[in-house]
Amino acid sequence: MIDPPGGPLYLIPFVIAFLLGYLAGSIPFGLILTRAAGAGDVRKIGSGNIGATNVLRTGRKGLALATLVADLLKGGLPTLAAHLWLGPDIAVIVGLGTVVGHCFPVWLRFRGGKGVATAAGVVLALTPLAAPVLVVIFAVILRTTRFVSLASIIAAAAAPVTAWLLGAPQPAELYVALAIIIIAKHHENIARLIKGRENRFELSGKG
């Protein structure tokens, strides 16, 4: 992704960029929003995940949507700002940091979400033309199987290929790393899918 031309001092801006991205990504909006809305601790509901899918299990669709948007923005806005002001090299590091921060937030003892929405925000910021393609892939898999986990895994795996086909090799390299993180975070879902025990997605609950 990066081709450092100099010594260790050259890496300092990238380390700072990663840490700033990490801090932005580590904000646990799912937990914050559910507590603020009086819906309790989302970590004690369903899968215990802090992402939008598990927030939906509180029965609050509006709360789940707010979590989804917040997680998208915490990946997309820092990455976009870095891209516009500091260039693509810094942007990919910030984007990586936001997803790592969401998945392994220091505030929650490194037990965070699965990174899908935050990674989607990064994709939207760096390769906006890839985003609708991946949304379609996600939607088709979800509609066909009703497994959010499977749709997330396949969309994550398709991201680097899509970016590469669109002529964006540097983001494609980043998306390989993000796909590895996302798939690794879904290891329990993968085991349940293999055993036929994964829960299917049902859109229910109040607004």
Protein backbone atom coordinates (compact mmCIF):
# COMPACT_ATOMS: atom_id res chain seq x y z
CA MET A 1 0.00 0.00 0.00
CA ILE A 2 2.78 2.41 0.95
CA ASP A 3 6.28 2.77 -0.51
CA PRO A 4 8.40 4.55 2.16
CA PRO A 5 11.27 6.46 0.49
CA GLY A 6 13.10 7.35 3.69
CA GLY A 7 14.04 6.26 7.17
CA PRO A 8 12.01 5.81 10.36
CA LEU A 9 11.08 9.48 10.60
CA TYR A 10 9.11 9.09 7.39
CA LEU A 11 6.81 6.66 9.18
CA ILE A 12 5.80 9.08 11.95
CA PRO A 13 2.93 10.72 10.00
CA PHE A 14 1.59 7.27 9.15
CA VAL A 15 1.72 6.14 12.77
CA ILE A 16 -0.11 9.30 13.83
CA ALA A 17 -2.66 8.82 11.03
CA PHE A 18 -3.32 5.25 12.11
CA LEU A 19 -3.76 6.26 15.75
CA LEU A 20 -6.16 9.08 14.87
CA GLY A 21 -8.13 6.73 12.65
CA TYR A 22 -8.11 4.14 15.40
CA LEU A 23 -9.48 6.61 17.96
CA ALA A 24 -12.27 7.67 15.61
CA GLY A 25 -13.17 4.08 14.80
CA SER A 26 -13.08 2.97 18.43
CA ILE A 27 -16.06 5.14 19.42
CA PRO A 28 -18.69 2.46 20.25
CA PHE A 29 -21.75 4.17 18.85
CA GLY A 30 -23.94 1.06 19.17
CA LEU A 31 -23.28 0.91 22.91
CA ILE A 32 -23.56 4.67 23.40
CA LEU A 33 -26.82 5.01 21.47
CA THR A 34 -28.56 2.03 23.06
CA ARG A 35 -27.67 3.23 26.53
CA ALA A 36 -28.74 6.80 25.75
CA ALA A 37 -32.08 5.51 24.42
CA GLY A 38 -32.67 3.44 27.55
CA ALA A 39 -32.36 0.16 25.65
CA GLY A 40 -29.70 -1.23 27.97
CA ASP A 41 -26.27 -2.65 27.22
CA VAL A 42 -26.22 -4.02 23.68
CA ARG A 43 -23.37 -6.33 24.67
CA LYS A 44 -25.88 -8.29 26.79
CA ILE A 45 -28.32 -8.70 23.89
CA GLY A 46 -28.26 -11.29 21.12
CA SER A 47 -24.73 -11.89 19.86
CA GLY A 48 -23.25 -9.24 22.17
CA ASN A 49 -21.95 -7.33 19.16
CA ILE A 50 -21.98 -3.52 19.21
CA GLY A 51 -22.96 -3.19 15.54
CA ALA A 52 -26.26 -2.25 13.92
CA THR A 53 -27.47 -5.82 13.31
CA ASN A 54 -27.32 -6.63 17.00
CA VAL A 55 -28.76 -3.24 17.97
CA LEU A 56 -31.76 -4.23 15.84
CA ARG A 57 -32.32 -7.08 18.27
CA THR A 58 -33.35 -4.50 20.86
CA GLY A 59 -36.49 -4.10 18.74
CA ARG A 60 -35.60 -0.49 17.87
CA LYS A 61 -35.21 -0.13 14.10
CA GLY A 62 -34.52 3.60 14.34
CA LEU A 63 -31.75 2.95 16.85
CA ALA A 64 -30.22 0.32 14.59
CA LEU A 65 -30.34 2.72 11.64
CA ALA A 66 -28.68 5.45 13.70
CA THR A 67 -25.93 3.01 14.69
CA LEU A 68 -25.42 1.99 11.06
CA VAL A 69 -25.10 5.61 9.92
CA ALA A 70 -22.76 6.51 12.79
CA ASP A 71 -20.50 3.54 12.07
CA LEU A 72 -20.46 4.40 8.36
CA LEU A 73 -19.52 8.00 9.12
CA LYS A 74 -16.75 7.17 11.57
CA GLY A 75 -15.09 5.18 8.81
CA GLY A 76 -15.91 7.49 5.93
CA LEU A 77 -15.40 11.00 7.24
CA PRO A 78 -11.85 10.63 8.67
CA THR A 79 -10.77 8.72 5.58
CA LEU A 80 -12.27 11.27 3.20
CA ALA A 81 -10.76 14.17 5.13
CA ALA A 82 -7.34 12.53 5.04
CA HIS A 83 -7.67 11.85 1.32
CA LEU A 84 -8.64 15.43 0.51
CA TRP A 85 -6.11 17.16 2.75
CA LEU A 86 -3.20 14.75 3.14
CA GLY A 87 -3.29 12.46 0.12
CA PRO A 88 -4.08 8.81 -0.66
CA ASP A 89 -1.19 7.27 1.29
CA ILE A 90 -2.34 8.78 4.59
CA ALA A 91 -5.98 8.10 3.71
CA VAL A 92 -5.54 4.34 3.43
CA ILE A 93 -3.76 4.27 6.80
CA VAL A 94 -6.55 6.29 8.42
CA GLY A 95 -9.13 3.97 6.85
CA LEU A 96 -7.33 0.92 8.19
CA GLY A 97 -7.16 2.55 11.62
CA THR A 98 -10.90 3.22 11.75
CA VAL A 99 -11.78 -0.42 11.05
CA VAL A 100 -9.18 -1.75 13.52
CA GLY A 101 -10.53 0.71 16.10
CA HIS A 102 -14.11 -0.46 15.59
CA CYS A 103 -13.17 -4.13 15.80
CA PHE A 104 -10.72 -3.78 18.70
CA PRO A 105 -11.63 -0.67 20.75
CA VAL A 106 -9.38 -0.03 23.70
CA TRP A 107 -12.36 1.32 25.68
CA LEU A 108 -14.12 -2.06 25.54
CA ARG A 109 -11.06 -4.23 26.25
CA PHE A 110 -10.57 -4.70 22.50
CA ARG A 111 -13.95 -6.43 22.11
CA GLY A 112 -15.70 -4.48 19.40
CA GLY A 113 -17.82 -5.00 16.33
CA LYS A 114 -17.14 -6.81 13.08
CA GLY A 115 -16.18 -3.78 11.04
CA VAL A 116 -18.59 -4.11 8.13
CA ALA A 117 -20.32 -0.72 8.33
CA THR A 118 -17.11 1.12 9.19
CA ALA A 119 -15.32 -0.56 6.28
CA ALA A 120 -18.23 0.39 4.03
CA GLY A 121 -17.68 4.02 5.01
CA VAL A 122 -14.01 3.69 4.05
CA VAL A 123 -14.96 2.20 0.67
CA LEU A 124 -17.45 5.00 0.08
CA ALA A 125 -14.76 7.58 0.83
CA LEU A 126 -11.98 6.07 -1.29
CA THR A 127 -13.82 4.35 -4.15
CA PRO A 128 -17.39 5.66 -4.32
CA LEU A 129 -18.04 3.80 -7.58
CA ALA A 130 -17.32 0.50 -5.83
CA ALA A 131 -19.83 1.14 -3.06
CA PRO A 132 -23.06 0.57 -5.07
CA VAL A 133 -21.61 -2.61 -6.58
CA LEU A 134 -20.87 -3.99 -3.12
CA VAL A 135 -24.26 -2.91 -1.81
CA VAL A 136 -25.92 -4.87 -4.62
CA ILE A 137 -23.80 -7.93 -3.85
CA PHE A 138 -24.65 -7.65 -0.16
CA ALA A 139 -28.36 -7.19 -0.87
CA VAL A 140 -28.58 -10.11 -3.29
CA ILE A 141 -26.86 -12.50 -0.89
CA LEU A 142 -28.95 -11.27 2.04
CA ARG A 143 -32.21 -11.57 0.11
CA THR A 144 -31.29 -15.02 -1.17
CA THR A 145 -30.02 -16.53 2.08
CA ARG A 146 -31.17 -14.11 4.82
CA PHE A 147 -27.73 -14.48 6.44
CA VAL A 148 -26.25 -11.06 7.26
CA SER A 149 -22.95 -12.70 8.11
CA LEU A 150 -22.65 -14.46 4.75
CA ALA A 151 -23.62 -11.31 2.86
CA SER A 152 -21.01 -9.34 4.83
CA ILE A 153 -18.25 -11.87 4.21
CA ILE A 154 -18.92 -12.09 0.48
CA ALA A 155 -19.17 -8.32 0.07
CA ALA A 156 -15.92 -7.86 2.01
CA ALA A 157 -14.17 -10.42 -0.18
CA ALA A 158 -15.55 -8.75 -3.31
CA ALA A 159 -14.33 -5.28 -2.30
CA PRO A 160 -10.65 -5.63 -3.35
CA VAL A 161 -11.61 -7.27 -6.65
CA THR A 162 -14.14 -4.53 -7.40
CA ALA A 163 -11.66 -1.75 -6.57
CA TRP A 164 -8.97 -3.37 -8.72
CA LEU A 165 -11.34 -3.72 -11.68
CA LEU A 166 -12.21 -0.03 -11.29
CA GLY A 167 -8.53 0.89 -11.56
CA ALA A 168 -7.90 1.66 -7.89
CA PRO A 169 -5.00 -0.65 -6.90
CA GLN A 170 -4.02 1.14 -3.68
CA PRO A 171 -7.53 0.98 -2.15
CA ALA A 172 -7.75 -2.61 -3.40
CA GLU A 173 -4.70 -3.48 -1.30
CA LEU A 174 -6.32 -1.85 1.72
CA TYR A 175 -9.56 -3.78 1.11
CA VAL A 176 -7.63 -7.06 1.19
CA ALA A 177 -6.54 -6.18 4.73
CA LEU A 178 -10.06 -5.11 5.70
CA ALA A 179 -11.54 -8.30 4.25
CA ILE A 180 -9.13 -10.40 6.31
CA ILE A 181 -10.14 -8.53 9.48
CA ILE A 182 -13.86 -8.79 8.74
CA ILE A 183 -13.74 -12.48 7.85
CA ALA A 184 -11.66 -13.23 10.95
CA LYS A 185 -14.19 -11.38 13.11
CA HIS A 186 -16.92 -13.58 11.61
CA HIS A 187 -15.22 -16.84 12.58
CA GLU A 188 -18.04 -17.82 14.94
CA ASN A 189 -20.63 -17.05 12.26
CA ILE A 190 -18.67 -19.14 9.76
CA ALA A 191 -18.68 -22.08 12.18
CA ARG A 192 -22.45 -21.74 12.65
CA LEU A 193 -23.01 -21.47 8.90
CA ILE A 194 -21.08 -24.70 8.36
CA LYS A 195 -23.13 -26.43 11.06
CA GLY A 196 -26.41 -24.96 9.79
CA ARG A 197 -27.04 -23.10 13.03
CA GLU A 198 -26.65 -19.48 11.92
CA ASN A 199 -29.63 -17.23 12.63
CA ARG A 200 -31.43 -15.81 9.63
CA PHE A 201 -32.13 -12.09 9.40
CA GLU A 202 -35.65 -10.99 10.25
CA LEU A 203 -36.64 -7.32 9.99
CA SER A 204 -38.92 -6.84 12.93
CA GLY A 205 -39.41 -4.58 15.89
CA LYS A 206 -40.60 -1.05 16.48
CA GLY A 207 -39.20 2.18 15.12
